[in-house]
């Protein structure tokens, strides 16, 4: 099984700021790899309490940079929406 990474931020303002940093990191990694990093990050807001972030296995360097913890692949209900990265990943994970 391929390792995913997870981080929960229980402050919506901090989560919004962090999501921008995650997006920037994915773009930088993708640029450094000639557009082929295939890194993706998904987010799911939990009412008004916080945000769950899931980093694809290809986003491992970014996940580690932001202290995300290893986890199993999230389910379709857990994963939320694509924040940044490969737009086809969701349809490939959950056909």
PDB file of N, CA and C in Angstrom:
ATOM      1  N   UNK A   1       0.832  -1.182   0.000  1.00  0.00           N
ATOM      2  CA  UNK A   1       0.000   0.000   0.000  1.00  0.00           C
ATOM      3  C   UNK A   1       0.883   1.253   0.000  1.00  0.00           C
ATOM      4  N   UNK A   2       0.506   2.229  -0.762  1.00  0.00           N
ATOM      5  CA  UNK A   2       1.251   3.472  -0.869  1.00  0.00           C
ATOM      6  C   UNK A   2       0.825   4.415   0.253  1.00  0.00           C
ATOM      7  N   UNK A   3       1.795   5.070   0.855  1.00  0.00           N
ATOM      8  CA  UNK A   3       1.524   5.935   1.992  1.00  0.00           C
ATOM      9  C   UNK A   3       1.049   7.322   1.570  1.00  0.00           C
ATOM     10  N   UNK A   4      -0.033   7.729   2.152  1.00  0.00           N
ATOM     11  CA  UNK A   4      -0.546   9.082   2.045  1.00  0.00           C
ATOM     12  C   UNK A   4      -0.118   9.813   3.309  1.00  0.00           C
ATOM     13  N   UNK A   5      -0.395  11.103   3.358  1.00  0.00           N
ATOM     14  CA  UNK A   5      -0.056  11.904   4.537  1.00  0.00           C
ATOM     15  C   UNK A   5      -1.253  12.779   4.883  1.00  0.00           C
ATOM     16  N   UNK A   6      -1.363  13.078   6.173  1.00  0.00           N
ATOM     17  CA  UNK A   6      -2.536  13.769   6.683  1.00  0.00           C
ATOM     18  C   UNK A   6      -2.136  14.865   7.666  1.00  0.00           C
ATOM     19  N   UNK A   7      -2.884  15.956   7.617  1.00  0.00           N
ATOM     20  CA  UNK A   7      -2.708  17.025   8.598  1.00  0.00           C
ATOM     21  C   UNK A   7      -4.059  17.683   8.832  1.00  0.00           C
ATOM     22  N   UNK A   8      -4.351  17.938  10.103  1.00  0.00           N
ATOM     23  CA  UNK A   8      -5.581  18.642  10.470  1.00  0.00           C
ATOM     24  C   UNK A   8      -5.202  19.962  11.118  1.00  0.00           C
ATOM     25  N   UNK A   9      -5.826  21.019  10.666  1.00  0.00           N
ATOM     26  CA  UNK A   9      -5.601  22.343  11.242  1.00  0.00           C
ATOM     27  C   UNK A   9      -6.936  22.817  11.790  1.00  0.00           C
ATOM     28  N   UNK A  10      -6.971  23.078  13.097  1.00  0.00           N
ATOM     29  CA  UNK A  10      -8.232  23.405  13.756  1.00  0.00           C
ATOM     30  C   UNK A  10      -8.503  24.905  13.873  1.00  0.00           C
ATOM     31  N   UNK A  11      -7.911  25.662  12.967  1.00  0.00           N
ATOM     32  CA  UNK A  11      -8.130  27.104  12.919  1.00  0.00           C
ATOM     33  C   UNK A  11      -8.312  27.467  11.448  1.00  0.00           C
ATOM     34  N   UNK A  12      -9.498  27.959  11.099  1.00  0.00           N
ATOM     35  CA  UNK A  12      -9.794  28.205   9.682  1.00  0.00           C
ATOM     36  C   UNK A  12      -8.901  29.262   9.051  1.00  0.00           C
ATOM     37  N   UNK A  13      -8.540  30.285   9.794  1.00  0.00           N
ATOM     38  CA  UNK A  13      -7.649  31.322   9.242  1.00  0.00           C
ATOM     39  C   UNK A  13      -6.263  30.744   8.983  1.00  0.00           C
ATOM     40  N   UNK A  14      -5.757  29.957   9.919  1.00  0.00           N
ATOM     41  CA  UNK A  14      -4.456  29.314   9.739  1.00  0.00           C
ATOM     42  C   UNK A  14      -4.519  28.313   8.590  1.00  0.00           C
ATOM     43  N   UNK A  15      -5.619  27.577   8.502  1.00  0.00           N
ATOM     44  CA  UNK A  15      -5.773  26.600   7.418  1.00  0.00           C
ATOM     45  C   UNK A  15      -5.760  27.285   6.055  1.00  0.00           C
ATOM     46  N   UNK A  16      -6.395  28.440   5.956  1.00  0.00           N
ATOM     47  CA  UNK A  16      -6.402  29.180   4.686  1.00  0.00           C
ATOM     48  C   UNK A  16      -4.994  29.625   4.322  1.00  0.00           C
ATOM     49  N   UNK A  17      -4.262  30.101   5.291  1.00  0.00           N
ATOM     50  CA  UNK A  17      -2.876  30.523   5.061  1.00  0.00           C
ATOM     51  C   UNK A  17      -1.998  29.331   4.671  1.00  0.00           C
ATOM     52  N   UNK A  18      -2.157  28.232   5.392  1.00  0.00           N
ATOM     53  CA  UNK A  18      -1.376  27.033   5.095  1.00  0.00           C
ATOM     54  C   UNK A  18      -1.710  26.491   3.711  1.00  0.00           C
ATOM     55  N   UNK A  19      -2.978  26.526   3.318  1.00  0.00           N
ATOM     56  CA  UNK A  19      -3.343  25.994   2.003  1.00  0.00           C
ATOM     57  C   UNK A  19      -2.630  26.760   0.897  1.00  0.00           C
ATOM     58  N   UNK A  20      -2.426  28.052   1.078  1.00  0.00           N
ATOM     59  CA  UNK A  20      -1.655  28.826   0.095  1.00  0.00           C
ATOM     60  C   UNK A  20      -0.205  28.360   0.064  1.00  0.00           C
ATOM     61  N   UNK A  21       0.358  28.093   1.222  1.00  0.00           N
ATOM     62  CA  UNK A  21       1.741  27.609   1.291  1.00  0.00           C
ATOM     63  C   UNK A  21       1.862  26.229   0.651  1.00  0.00           C
ATOM     64  N   UNK A  22       0.870  25.363   0.868  1.00  0.00           N
ATOM     65  CA  UNK A  22       0.882  24.032   0.246  1.00  0.00           C
ATOM     66  C   UNK A  22       0.827  24.150  -1.270  1.00  0.00           C
ATOM     67  N   UNK A  23      -0.043  25.021  -1.761  1.00  0.00           N
ATOM     68  CA  UNK A  23      -0.164  25.216  -3.207  1.00  0.00           C
ATOM     69  C   UNK A  23       1.146  25.708  -3.800  1.00  0.00           C
ATOM     70  N   UNK A  24       1.755  26.680  -3.152  1.00  0.00           N
ATOM     71  CA  UNK A  24       3.045  27.196  -3.624  1.00  0.00           C
ATOM     72  C   UNK A  24       4.097  26.090  -3.650  1.00  0.00           C
ATOM     73  N   UNK A  25       4.093  25.246  -2.638  1.00  0.00           N
ATOM     74  CA  UNK A  25       5.078  24.163  -2.566  1.00  0.00           C
ATOM     75  C   UNK A  25       4.869  23.138  -3.679  1.00  0.00           C
ATOM     76  N   UNK A  26       3.617  22.830  -3.989  1.00  0.00           N
ATOM     77  CA  UNK A  26       3.333  21.892  -5.088  1.00  0.00           C
ATOM     78  C   UNK A  26       3.791  22.488  -6.413  1.00  0.00           C
ATOM     79  N   UNK A  27       3.500  23.758  -6.636  1.00  0.00           N
ATOM     80  CA  UNK A  27       3.917  24.401  -7.884  1.00  0.00           C
ATOM     81  C   UNK A  27       5.445  24.409  -7.995  1.00  0.00           C
ATOM     82  N   UNK A  28       6.131  24.689  -6.905  1.00  0.00           N
ATOM     83  CA  UNK A  28       7.600  24.706  -6.920  1.00  0.00           C
ATOM     84  C   UNK A  28       8.163  23.316  -7.193  1.00  0.00           C
ATOM     85  N   UNK A  29       7.593  22.286  -6.551  1.00  0.00           N
ATOM     86  CA  UNK A  29       8.052  20.915  -6.783  1.00  0.00           C
ATOM     87  C   UNK A  29       7.793  20.512  -8.226  1.00  0.00           C
ATOM     88  N   UNK A  30       6.618  20.843  -8.725  1.00  0.00           N
ATOM     89  CA  UNK A  30       6.273  20.505 -10.106  1.00  0.00           C
ATOM     90  C   UNK A  30       7.226  21.192 -11.085  1.00  0.00           C
ATOM     91  N   UNK A  31       7.526  22.443 -10.833  1.00  0.00           N
ATOM     92  CA  UNK A  31       8.453  23.194 -11.683  1.00  0.00           C
ATOM     93  C   UNK A  31       9.838  22.563 -11.658  1.00  0.00           C
ATOM     94  N   UNK A  32      10.298  22.168 -10.482  1.00  0.00           N
ATOM     95  CA  UNK A  32      11.635  21.574 -10.362  1.00  0.00           C
ATOM     96  C   UNK A  32      11.722  20.209 -11.041  1.00  0.00           C
ATOM     97  N   UNK A  33      10.570  19.553 -11.224  1.00  0.00           N
ATOM     98  CA  UNK A  33      10.549  18.235 -11.855  1.00  0.00           C
ATOM     99  C   UNK A  33      10.078  18.309 -13.303  1.00  0.00           C
ATOM    100  N   UNK A  34      10.120  19.481 -13.885  1.00  0.00           N
ATOM    101  CA  UNK A  34       9.730  19.628 -15.283  1.00  0.00           C
ATOM    102  C   UNK A  34       8.255  19.410 -15.536  1.00  0.00           C
ATOM    103  N   UNK A  35       7.435  19.691 -14.538  1.00  0.00           N
ATOM    104  CA  UNK A  35       5.992  19.534 -14.700  1.00  0.00           C
ATOM    105  C   UNK A  35       5.485  18.139 -14.470  1.00  0.00           C
ATOM    106  N   UNK A  36       6.322  17.276 -13.891  1.00  0.00           N
ATOM    107  CA  UNK A  36       5.945  15.872 -13.747  1.00  0.00           C
ATOM    108  C   UNK A  36       5.925  15.366 -12.311  1.00  0.00           C
ATOM    109  N   UNK A  37       5.650  16.219 -11.353  1.00  0.00           N
ATOM    110  CA  UNK A  37       5.686  15.745  -9.966  1.00  0.00           C
ATOM    111  C   UNK A  37       4.468  14.891  -9.614  1.00  0.00           C
ATOM    112  N   UNK A  38       3.333  15.143 -10.246  1.00  0.00           N
ATOM    113  CA  UNK A  38       2.077  14.427  -9.971  1.00  0.00           C
ATOM    114  C   UNK A  38       1.650  14.549  -8.514  1.00  0.00           C
ATOM    115  N   UNK A  39       2.159  15.547  -7.811  1.00  0.00           N
ATOM    116  CA  UNK A  39       1.779  15.780  -6.422  1.00  0.00           C
ATOM    117  C   UNK A  39       0.390  16.393  -6.356  1.00  0.00           C
ATOM    118  N   UNK A  40      -0.384  15.935  -5.379  1.00  0.00           N
ATOM    119  CA  UNK A  40      -1.731  16.468  -5.187  1.00  0.00           C
ATOM    120  C   UNK A  40      -2.016  16.603  -3.703  1.00  0.00           C
ATOM    121  N   UNK A  41      -2.782  17.622  -3.371  1.00  0.00           N
ATOM    122  CA  UNK A  41      -3.227  17.823  -2.000  1.00  0.00           C
ATOM    123  C   UNK A  41      -4.723  18.075  -2.042  1.00  0.00           C
ATOM    124  N   UNK A  42      -5.437  17.407  -1.159  1.00  0.00           N
ATOM    125  CA  UNK A  42      -6.884  17.520  -1.062  1.00  0.00           C
ATOM    126  C   UNK A  42      -7.240  18.135   0.288  1.00  0.00           C
ATOM    127  N   UNK A  43      -8.369  18.805   0.339  1.00  0.00           N
ATOM    128  CA  UNK A  43      -8.790  19.401   1.603  1.00  0.00           C
ATOM    129  C   UNK A  43     -10.286  19.211   1.813  1.00  0.00           C
ATOM    130  N   UNK A  44     -10.646  19.079   3.078  1.00  0.00           N
ATOM    131  CA  UNK A  44     -12.062  18.937   3.446  1.00  0.00           C
ATOM    132  C   UNK A  44     -12.301  19.740   4.714  1.00  0.00           C
ATOM    133  N   UNK A  45     -13.178  20.715   4.606  1.00  0.00           N
ATOM    134  CA  UNK A  45     -13.502  21.540   5.762  1.00  0.00           C
ATOM    135  C   UNK A  45     -14.459  20.789   6.674  1.00  0.00           C
ATOM    136  N   UNK A  46     -14.223  20.888   7.964  1.00  0.00           N
ATOM    137  CA  UNK A  46     -15.078  20.255   8.963  1.00  0.00           C
ATOM    138  C   UNK A  46     -15.934  21.333   9.613  1.00  0.00           C
ATOM    139  N   UNK A  47     -17.115  21.524   9.062  1.00  0.00           N
ATOM    140  CA  UNK A  47     -18.014  22.588   9.497  1.00  0.00           C
ATOM    141  C   UNK A  47     -17.223  23.887   9.635  1.00  0.00           C
ATOM    142  N   UNK A  48     -17.231  24.487  10.811  1.00  0.00           N
ATOM    143  CA  UNK A  48     -16.463  25.720  11.013  1.00  0.00           C
ATOM    144  C   UNK A  48     -15.345  25.500  12.018  1.00  0.00           C
ATOM    145  N   UNK A  49     -14.910  24.237  12.153  1.00  0.00           N
ATOM    146  CA  UNK A  49     -13.911  23.894  13.164  1.00  0.00           C
ATOM    147  C   UNK A  49     -12.489  23.829  12.634  1.00  0.00           C
ATOM    148  N   UNK A  50     -12.314  23.378  11.419  1.00  0.00           N
ATOM    149  CA  UNK A  50     -10.972  23.226  10.884  1.00  0.00           C
ATOM    150  C   UNK A  50     -10.987  22.560   9.518  1.00  0.00           C
ATOM    151  N   UNK A  51      -9.791  22.213   9.049  1.00  0.00           N
ATOM    152  CA  UNK A  51      -9.643  21.633   7.715  1.00  0.00           C
ATOM    153  C   UNK A  51      -8.735  20.407   7.785  1.00  0.00           C
ATOM    154  N   UNK A  52      -9.176  19.348   7.111  1.00  0.00           N
ATOM    155  CA  UNK A  52      -8.388  18.129   6.960  1.00  0.00           C
ATOM    156  C   UNK A  52      -7.652  18.235   5.625  1.00  0.00           C
ATOM    157  N   UNK A  53      -6.353  17.960   5.627  1.00  0.00           N
ATOM    158  CA  UNK A  53      -5.552  17.972   4.401  1.00  0.00           C
ATOM    159  C   UNK A  53      -4.998  16.569   4.164  1.00  0.00           C
ATOM    160  N   UNK A  54      -5.109  16.092   2.931  1.00  0.00           N
ATOM    161  CA  UNK A  54      -4.549  14.799   2.530  1.00  0.00           C
ATOM    162  C   UNK A  54      -3.553  15.030   1.402  1.00  0.00           C
ATOM    163  N   UNK A  55      -2.344  14.542   1.597  1.00  0.00           N
ATOM    164  CA  UNK A  55      -1.251  14.690   0.634  1.00  0.00           C
ATOM    165  C   UNK A  55      -1.062  13.351  -0.068  1.00  0.00           C
ATOM    166  N   UNK A  56      -1.083  13.356  -1.392  1.00  0.00           N
ATOM    167  CA  UNK A  56      -0.882  12.123  -2.153  1.00  0.00           C
ATOM    168  C   UNK A  56       0.543  11.614  -1.919  1.00  0.00           C
ATOM    169  N   UNK A  57       0.789  10.335  -2.196  1.00  0.00           N
ATOM    170  CA  UNK A  57       2.146   9.794  -2.011  1.00  0.00           C
ATOM    171  C   UNK A  57       3.217  10.598  -2.752  1.00  0.00           C
ATOM    172  N   UNK A  58       2.877  11.125  -3.924  1.00  0.00           N
ATOM    173  CA  UNK A  58       3.836  11.915  -4.694  1.00  0.00           C
ATOM    174  C   UNK A  58       4.161  13.253  -4.026  1.00  0.00           C
ATOM    175  N   UNK A  59       3.298  13.682  -3.124  1.00  0.00           N
ATOM    176  CA  UNK A  59       3.513  14.940  -2.399  1.00  0.00           C
ATOM    177  C   UNK A  59       4.267  14.728  -1.087  1.00  0.00           C
ATOM    178  N   UNK A  60       4.874  13.567  -0.925  1.00  0.00           N
ATOM    179  CA  UNK A  60       5.579  13.247   0.320  1.00  0.00           C
ATOM    180  C   UNK A  60       6.577  14.327   0.746  1.00  0.00           C
ATOM    181  N   UNK A  61       7.429  14.856  -0.155  1.00  0.00           N
ATOM    182  CA  UNK A  61       8.376  15.881   0.294  1.00  0.00           C
ATOM    183  C   UNK A  61       7.673  17.101   0.900  1.00  0.00           C
ATOM    184  N   UNK A  62       6.532  17.451   0.347  1.00  0.00           N
ATOM    185  CA  UNK A  62       5.779  18.600   0.851  1.00  0.00           C
ATOM    186  C   UNK A  62       5.122  18.242   2.180  1.00  0.00           C
ATOM    187  N   UNK A  63       4.547  17.055   2.246  1.00  0.00           N
ATOM    188  CA  UNK A  63       3.914  16.603   3.488  1.00  0.00           C
ATOM    189  C   UNK A  63       4.914  16.612   4.641  1.00  0.00           C
ATOM    190  N   UNK A  64       6.098  16.121   4.379  1.00  0.00           N
ATOM    191  CA  UNK A  64       7.119  16.086   5.432  1.00  0.00           C
ATOM    192  C   UNK A  64       7.579  17.490   5.808  1.00  0.00           C
ATOM    193  N   UNK A  65       7.664  18.364   4.836  1.00  0.00           N
ATOM    194  CA  UNK A  65       8.072  19.743   5.084  1.00  0.00           C
ATOM    195  C   UNK A  65       7.072  20.441   6.021  1.00  0.00           C
ATOM    196  N   UNK A  66       5.795  20.051   5.944  1.00  0.00           N
ATOM    197  CA  UNK A  66       4.758  20.678   6.761  1.00  0.00           C
ATOM    198  C   UNK A  66       4.296  19.779   7.913  1.00  0.00           C
ATOM    199  N   UNK A  67       5.104  18.792   8.251  1.00  0.00           N
ATOM    200  CA  UNK A  67       4.849  17.923   9.418  1.00  0.00           C
ATOM    201  C   UNK A  67       3.537  17.154   9.356  1.00  0.00           C
ATOM    202  N   UNK A  68       3.144  16.733   8.172  1.00  0.00           N
ATOM    203  CA  UNK A  68       1.978  15.864   8.046  1.00  0.00           C
ATOM    204  C   UNK A  68       2.387  14.457   8.477  1.00  0.00           C
ATOM    205  N   UNK A  69       1.425  13.672   8.925  1.00  0.00           N
ATOM    206  CA  UNK A  69       1.716  12.327   9.406  1.00  0.00           C
ATOM    207  C   UNK A  69       1.269  11.280   8.383  1.00  0.00           C
ATOM    208  N   UNK A  70       1.969  10.154   8.321  1.00  0.00           N
ATOM    209  CA  UNK A  70       1.566   9.096   7.392  1.00  0.00           C
ATOM    210  C   UNK A  70       0.169   8.570   7.734  1.00  0.00           C
ATOM    211  N   UNK A  71      -0.558   8.176   6.701  1.00  0.00           N
ATOM    212  CA  UNK A  71      -1.884   7.592   6.884  1.00  0.00           C
ATOM    213  C   UNK A  71      -2.182   6.668   5.712  1.00  0.00           C
ATOM    214  N   UNK A  72      -3.254   5.906   5.848  1.00  0.00           N
ATOM    215  CA  UNK A  72      -3.731   5.094   4.733  1.00  0.00           C
ATOM    216  C   UNK A  72      -4.420   6.007   3.728  1.00  0.00           C
ATOM    217  N   UNK A  73      -4.619   5.494   2.531  1.00  0.00           N
ATOM    218  CA  UNK A  73      -5.326   6.272   1.520  1.00  0.00           C
ATOM    219  C   UNK A  73      -6.709   6.633   2.054  1.00  0.00           C
ATOM    220  N   UNK A  74      -7.089   7.899   1.976  1.00  0.00           N
ATOM    221  CA  UNK A  74      -8.407   8.300   2.463  1.00  0.00           C
ATOM    222  C   UNK A  74      -9.521   7.754   1.570  1.00  0.00           C
ATOM    223  N   UNK A  75     -10.701   7.625   2.163  1.00  0.00           N
ATOM    224  CA  UNK A  75     -11.868   7.196   1.398  1.00  0.00           C
ATOM    225  C   UNK A  75     -12.413   8.381   0.601  1.00  0.00           C
ATOM    226  N   UNK A  76     -13.365   8.094  -0.259  1.00  0.00           N
ATOM    227  CA  UNK A  76     -13.980   9.153  -1.062  1.00  0.00           C
ATOM    228  C   UNK A  76     -14.674  10.181  -0.165  1.00  0.00           C
ATOM    229  N   UNK A  77     -15.259   9.744   0.935  1.00  0.00           N
ATOM    230  CA  UNK A  77     -15.922  10.661   1.865  1.00  0.00           C
ATOM    231  C   UNK A  77     -14.926  11.502   2.654  1.00  0.00           C
ATOM    232  N   UNK A  78     -13.767  10.958   2.931  1.00  0.00           N
ATOM    233  CA  UNK A  78     -12.759  11.663   3.719  1.00  0.00           C
ATOM    234  C   UNK A  78     -11.974  12.691   2.912  1.00  0.00           C
ATOM    235  N   UNK A  79     -11.682  12.374   1.665  1.00  0.00           N
ATOM    236  CA  UNK A  79     -10.680  13.111   0.906  1.00  0.00           C
ATOM    237  C   UNK A  79     -11.055  14.562   0.599  1.00  0.00           C
ATOM    238  N   UNK A  80     -12.321  14.838   0.457  1.00  0.00           N
ATOM    239  CA  UNK A  80     -12.724  16.218   0.158  1.00  0.00           C
ATOM    240  C   UNK A  80     -12.498  16.572  -1.297  1.00  0.00           C
ATOM    241  N   UNK A  81     -12.016  17.787  -1.520  1.00  0.00           N
ATOM    242  CA  UNK A  81     -11.819  18.296  -2.877  1.00  0.00           C
ATOM    243  C   UNK A  81     -10.348  18.568  -3.148  1.00  0.00           C
ATOM    244  N   UNK A  82     -10.022  18.590  -4.409  1.00  0.00           N
ATOM    245  CA  UNK A  82      -8.653  18.887  -4.810  1.00  0.00           C
ATOM    246  C   UNK A  82      -8.311  20.327  -4.449  1.00  0.00           C
ATOM    247  N   UNK A  83      -7.243  20.494  -3.701  1.00  0.00           N
ATOM    248  CA  UNK A  83      -6.727  21.830  -3.398  1.00  0.00           C
ATOM    249  C   UNK A  83      -5.767  22.257  -4.492  1.00  0.00           C
ATOM    250  N   UNK A  84      -4.856  21.357  -4.838  1.00  0.00           N
ATOM    251  CA  UNK A  84      -3.848  21.651  -5.857  1.00  0.00           C
ATOM    252  C   UNK A  84      -3.290  20.331  -6.382  1.00  0.00           C
ATOM    253  N   UNK A  85      -2.947  20.306  -7.658  1.00  0.00           N
ATOM    254  CA  UNK A  85      -2.298  19.119  -8.217  1.00  0.00           C
ATOM    255  C   UNK A  85      -3.060  18.492  -9.363  1.00  0.00           C
ATOM    256  N   UNK A  86      -2.920  17.180  -9.477  1.00  0.00           N
ATOM    257  CA  UNK A  86      -3.437  16.383 -10.576  1.00  0.00           C
ATOM    258  C   UNK A  86      -4.964  16.290 -10.515  1.00  0.00           C
ATOM    259  N   UNK A  87      -5.632  16.976 -11.418  1.00  0.00           N
ATOM    260  CA  UNK A  87      -7.106  17.011 -11.422  1.00  0.00           C
ATOM    261  C   UNK A  87      -7.724  15.668 -11.777  1.00  0.00           C
ATOM    262  N   UNK A  88      -6.960  14.753 -12.349  1.00  0.00           N
ATOM    263  CA  UNK A  88      -7.510  13.449 -12.729  1.00  0.00           C
ATOM    264  C   UNK A  88      -7.393  12.410 -11.617  1.00  0.00           C
ATOM    265  N   UNK A  89      -6.691  12.742 -10.551  1.00  0.00           N
ATOM    266  CA  UNK A  89      -6.418  11.749  -9.506  1.00  0.00           C
ATOM    267  C   UNK A  89      -7.706  11.241  -8.845  1.00  0.00           C
ATOM    268  N   UNK A  90      -8.634  12.112  -8.532  1.00  0.00           N
ATOM    269  CA  UNK A  90      -9.877  11.689  -7.886  1.00  0.00           C
ATOM    270  C   UNK A  90     -10.637  10.671  -8.735  1.00  0.00           C
ATOM    271  N   UNK A  91     -10.748  10.925 -10.018  1.00  0.00           N
ATOM    272  CA  UNK A  91     -11.496   9.999 -10.871  1.00  0.00           C
ATOM    273  C   UNK A  91     -10.743   8.677 -11.040  1.00  0.00           C
ATOM    274  N   UNK A  92      -9.430   8.704 -10.935  1.00  0.00           N
ATOM    275  CA  UNK A  92      -8.662   7.455 -11.016  1.00  0.00           C
ATOM    276  C   UNK A  92      -8.725   6.681  -9.700  1.00  0.00           C
ATOM    277  N   UNK A  93      -8.771   7.385  -8.581  1.00  0.00           N
ATOM    278  CA  UNK A  93      -8.859   6.711  -7.281  1.00  0.00           C
ATOM    279  C   UNK A  93     -10.236   6.114  -7.043  1.00  0.00           C
ATOM    280  N   UNK A  94     -11.265   6.848  -7.481  1.00  0.00           N
ATOM    281  CA  UNK A  94     -12.643   6.441  -7.220  1.00  0.00           C
ATOM    282  C   UNK A  94     -13.437   6.458  -8.517  1.00  0.00           C
ATOM    283  N   UNK A  95     -13.201   5.448  -9.374  1.00  0.00           N
ATOM    284  CA  UNK A  95     -13.863   5.406 -10.687  1.00  0.00           C
ATOM    285  C   UNK A  95     -15.383   5.240 -10.585  1.00  0.00           C
TER     286      UNK A  95
END
